[in-house]
Structures are given as C-alpha cells and as structure tokens.
Amino acid sequence: MEYFNDRWKALEDMLKERFGKVPDMEGILFLIGVNELGIPPKRKTWSKEQKQDLMHLAVCTLLSTKGYFQFTHKDEDGWPHFENIQPVPAVGMQSQEQLLQECMLTYFGL
C-alpha cells in the first residue's frame, strides 16, 4: 500500500506542476479523455454532456488495459468507441476507485 501511495503522490505532484493544482478523480478522468480524443488544447468550453462523454472515454480507455473493454472504432466525429468484453467486478466504490487509480498510474507511466 505504501508503494501505491508513493506513486499516487508522484502523480499528484506531476499534475500540480503541470496545471497549478491537483485535480480530483473526475478532473483526472477529464484530462485523460481529452488526451484520448486528441482535440487540441485551444478548445476551452465543453458542454456538461461532452465532459461526461470525455470521462466515460477515459474510464473505457483505462479499463481496456485490464481487459474489460476493447477499442472498436472511431466515429465520424473522431470519438473512440469501445466494447465491453467482460464485466467489471461488482465491488464497492472504494475498490472501483482503487482499480481506476491503478490504471491511471499505469496510464501516466508511474
């Protein structure tokens, strides 16, 4: 657990250095979603629905590394789509958050 905490702290420090503050889980998911969508950073406004779609994109991307989702295609607007290939374990919120955090650490190379 200490190793996880050290890696998570390193991620927080990296994001704070880059963005001036430590984003929460939703903020990190949003950042990953924007990165995966590949939209240039010039875009400044996103609708609430687009933000939710970006976070969903991030979750699918992260969980694809564990074999729960598989990339299928990009639509005509350039949005990646995934297929759920095995159910994500129905565990408590804390365990789900831990799974996503582990995937985030891998995503950022930590």
C-alpha atoms as a PDB file:
ATOM      1  CA  MET A   1       0.000   0.000   0.000  1.00  0.00           C
ATOM      2  CA  GLU A   2       2.896   2.345   0.744  1.00  0.00           C
ATOM      3  CA  TYR A   3       4.226   1.810  -2.794  1.00  0.00           C
ATOM      4  CA  PHE A   4       0.800   2.745  -4.209  1.00  0.00           C
ATOM      5  CA  ASN A   5       0.655   5.882  -2.035  1.00  0.00           C
ATOM      6  CA  ASP A   6       4.120   6.964  -3.187  1.00  0.00           C
ATOM      7  CA  ARG A   7       3.143   6.504  -6.847  1.00  0.00           C
ATOM      8  CA  TRP A   8      -0.158   8.336  -6.344  1.00  0.00           C
ATOM      9  CA  LYS A   9       1.673  11.227  -4.662  1.00  0.00           C
ATOM     10  CA  ALA A  10       4.069  11.355  -7.621  1.00  0.00           C
ATOM     11  CA  LEU A  11       1.081  11.598  -9.990  1.00  0.00           C
ATOM     12  CA  GLU A  12      -0.485  14.373  -7.922  1.00  0.00           C
ATOM     13  CA  ASP A  13       2.826  16.260  -7.871  1.00  0.00           C
ATOM     14  CA  MET A  14       3.199  15.888 -11.637  1.00  0.00           C
ATOM     15  CA  LEU A  15      -0.338  17.157 -12.286  1.00  0.00           C
ATOM     16  CA  LYS A  16       0.068  20.021  -9.823  1.00  0.00           C
ATOM     17  CA  GLU A  17       3.262  21.099 -11.551  1.00  0.00           C
ATOM     18  CA  ARG A  18       1.560  20.952 -14.963  1.00  0.00           C
ATOM     19  CA  PHE A  19      -1.810  22.508 -14.058  1.00  0.00           C
ATOM     20  CA  GLY A  20      -1.174  24.514 -10.883  1.00  0.00           C
ATOM     21  CA  LYS A  21      -3.407  22.350  -8.691  1.00  0.00           C
ATOM     22  CA  VAL A  22      -4.156  18.722  -8.016  1.00  0.00           C
ATOM     23  CA  PRO A  23      -7.289  17.647  -9.896  1.00  0.00           C
ATOM     24  CA  ASP A  24      -9.769  15.284  -8.265  1.00  0.00           C
ATOM     25  CA  MET A  25     -10.651  11.905  -9.818  1.00  0.00           C
ATOM     26  CA  GLU A  26     -13.172  13.478 -12.190  1.00  0.00           C
ATOM     27  CA  GLY A  27     -10.592  16.049 -13.244  1.00  0.00           C
ATOM     28  CA  ILE A  28      -8.021  13.367 -13.983  1.00  0.00           C
ATOM     29  CA  LEU A  29     -10.596  11.381 -15.958  1.00  0.00           C
ATOM     30  CA  PHE A  30     -11.447  14.539 -17.909  1.00  0.00           C
ATOM     31  CA  LEU A  31      -7.755  15.120 -18.711  1.00  0.00           C
ATOM     32  CA  ILE A  32      -7.329  11.536 -19.912  1.00  0.00           C
ATOM     33  CA  GLY A  33     -10.492  11.795 -22.014  1.00  0.00           C
ATOM     34  CA  VAL A  34      -9.310  14.992 -23.697  1.00  0.00           C
ATOM     35  CA  ASN A  35      -5.941  13.382 -24.354  1.00  0.00           C
ATOM     36  CA  GLU A  36      -7.535  10.280 -25.850  1.00  0.00           C
ATOM     37  CA  LEU A  37      -9.904  12.313 -28.006  1.00  0.00           C
ATOM     38  CA  GLY A  38      -6.934  14.239 -29.349  1.00  0.00           C
ATOM     39  CA  ILE A  39      -8.612  17.639 -29.534  1.00  0.00           C
ATOM     40  CA  PRO A  40      -6.053  20.473 -29.475  1.00  0.00           C
ATOM     41  CA  PRO A  41      -5.901  22.328 -26.145  1.00  0.00           C
ATOM     42  CA  LYS A  42      -7.215  25.518 -27.803  1.00  0.00           C
ATOM     43  CA  ARG A  43     -10.740  24.272 -27.166  1.00  0.00           C
ATOM     44  CA  LYS A  44     -11.851  25.871 -23.917  1.00  0.00           C
ATOM     45  CA  THR A  45     -15.527  25.085 -23.456  1.00  0.00           C
ATOM     46  CA  TRP A  46     -17.208  21.718 -23.168  1.00  0.00           C
ATOM     47  CA  SER A  47     -20.875  21.071 -22.512  1.00  0.00           C
ATOM     48  CA  LYS A  48     -21.810  19.048 -19.453  1.00  0.00           C
ATOM     49  CA  GLU A  49     -22.680  16.106 -21.723  1.00  0.00           C
ATOM     50  CA  GLN A  50     -19.324  16.357 -23.531  1.00  0.00           C
ATOM     51  CA  LYS A  51     -17.492  16.382 -20.187  1.00  0.00           C
ATOM     52  CA  GLN A  52     -19.372  13.242 -19.156  1.00  0.00           C
ATOM     53  CA  ASP A  53     -18.544  11.643 -22.521  1.00  0.00           C
ATOM     54  CA  LEU A  54     -14.858  12.517 -22.053  1.00  0.00           C
ATOM     55  CA  MET A  55     -14.819  10.952 -18.589  1.00  0.00           C
ATOM     56  CA  HIS A  56     -16.558   7.849 -19.964  1.00  0.00           C
ATOM     57  CA  LEU A  57     -13.941   7.691 -22.721  1.00  0.00           C
ATOM     58  CA  ALA A  58     -11.235   7.829 -20.048  1.00  0.00           C
ATOM     59  CA  VAL A  59     -12.830   5.044 -17.989  1.00  0.00           C
ATOM     60  CA  CYS A  60     -13.116   2.812 -21.067  1.00  0.00           C
ATOM     61  CA  THR A  61      -9.520   3.589 -22.049  1.00  0.00           C
ATOM     62  CA  LEU A  62      -8.227   2.859 -18.560  1.00  0.00           C
ATOM     63  CA  LEU A  63     -10.227  -0.331 -18.092  1.00  0.00           C
ATOM     64  CA  SER A  64      -9.203  -1.582 -21.526  1.00  0.00           C
ATOM     65  CA  THR A  65      -5.723  -2.063 -20.060  1.00  0.00           C
ATOM     66  CA  LYS A  66      -7.245  -4.627 -17.681  1.00  0.00           C
ATOM     67  CA  GLY A  67      -9.229  -6.401 -20.399  1.00  0.00           C
ATOM     68  CA  TYR A  68     -12.694  -5.092 -19.532  1.00  0.00           C
ATOM     69  CA  PHE A  69     -13.127  -3.003 -22.682  1.00  0.00           C
ATOM     70  CA  GLN A  70     -11.765  -3.165 -26.205  1.00  0.00           C
ATOM     71  CA  PHE A  71     -11.432  -0.302 -28.665  1.00  0.00           C
ATOM     72  CA  THR A  72     -13.664  -0.896 -31.697  1.00  0.00           C
ATOM     73  CA  HIS A  73     -13.580   2.221 -33.852  1.00  0.00           C
ATOM     74  CA  LYS A  74     -13.712   5.990 -34.124  1.00  0.00           C
ATOM     75  CA  ASP A  75     -16.958   7.555 -35.281  1.00  0.00           C
ATOM     76  CA  GLU A  76     -17.289  10.232 -37.962  1.00  0.00           C
ATOM     77  CA  ASP A  77     -16.601  12.936 -35.350  1.00  0.00           C
ATOM     78  CA  GLY A  78     -13.380  11.240 -34.219  1.00  0.00           C
ATOM     79  CA  TRP A  79     -14.739   9.887 -30.917  1.00  0.00           C
ATOM     80  CA  PRO A  80     -13.314   6.490 -29.936  1.00  0.00           C
ATOM     81  CA  HIS A  81     -15.798   3.731 -29.153  1.00  0.00           C
ATOM     82  CA  PHE A  82     -15.279   0.665 -27.002  1.00  0.00           C
ATOM     83  CA  GLU A  83     -16.993  -2.656 -26.495  1.00  0.00           C
ATOM     84  CA  ASN A  84     -17.412  -4.124 -23.019  1.00  0.00           C
ATOM     85  CA  ILE A  85     -15.833  -7.573 -23.334  1.00  0.00           C
ATOM     86  CA  GLN A  86     -16.101  -8.692 -19.719  1.00  0.00           C
ATOM     87  CA  PRO A  87     -17.999  -7.313 -16.753  1.00  0.00           C
ATOM     88  CA  VAL A  88     -16.181  -5.061 -14.344  1.00  0.00           C
ATOM     89  CA  PRO A  89     -16.368  -6.740 -10.921  1.00  0.00           C
ATOM     90  CA  ALA A  90     -19.307  -5.504  -8.875  1.00  0.00           C
ATOM     91  CA  VAL A  91     -17.323  -4.360  -5.874  1.00  0.00           C
ATOM     92  CA  GLY A  92     -17.658  -1.357  -3.614  1.00  0.00           C
ATOM     93  CA  MET A  93     -16.949   2.218  -4.649  1.00  0.00           C
ATOM     94  CA  GLN A  94     -13.601   2.240  -2.866  1.00  0.00           C
ATOM     95  CA  SER A  95     -12.408  -0.845  -4.751  1.00  0.00           C
ATOM     96  CA  GLN A  96     -13.593   0.596  -8.062  1.00  0.00           C
ATOM     97  CA  GLU A  97     -11.773   3.844  -7.331  1.00  0.00           C
ATOM     98  CA  GLN A  98      -8.631   1.885  -6.426  1.00  0.00           C
ATOM     99  CA  LEU A  99      -8.850  -0.012  -9.732  1.00  0.00           C
ATOM    100  CA  LEU A 100      -9.159   3.242 -11.679  1.00  0.00           C
ATOM    101  CA  GLN A 101      -6.306   4.810  -9.717  1.00  0.00           C
ATOM    102  CA  GLU A 102      -4.043   1.844 -10.516  1.00  0.00           C
ATOM    103  CA  CYS A 103      -4.963   2.203 -14.187  1.00  0.00           C
ATOM    104  CA  MET A 104      -4.262   5.947 -14.024  1.00  0.00           C
ATOM    105  CA  LEU A 105      -0.815   5.310 -12.599  1.00  0.00           C
ATOM    106  CA  THR A 106      -0.075   2.931 -15.449  1.00  0.00           C
ATOM    107  CA  TYR A 107      -1.502   5.428 -17.959  1.00  0.00           C
ATOM    108  CA  PHE A 108       0.881   8.128 -16.725  1.00  0.00           C
ATOM    109  CA  GLY A 109       3.804   5.701 -16.567  1.00  0.00           C
ATOM    110  CA  LEU A 110       4.127   5.613 -12.784  1.00  0.00           C
END
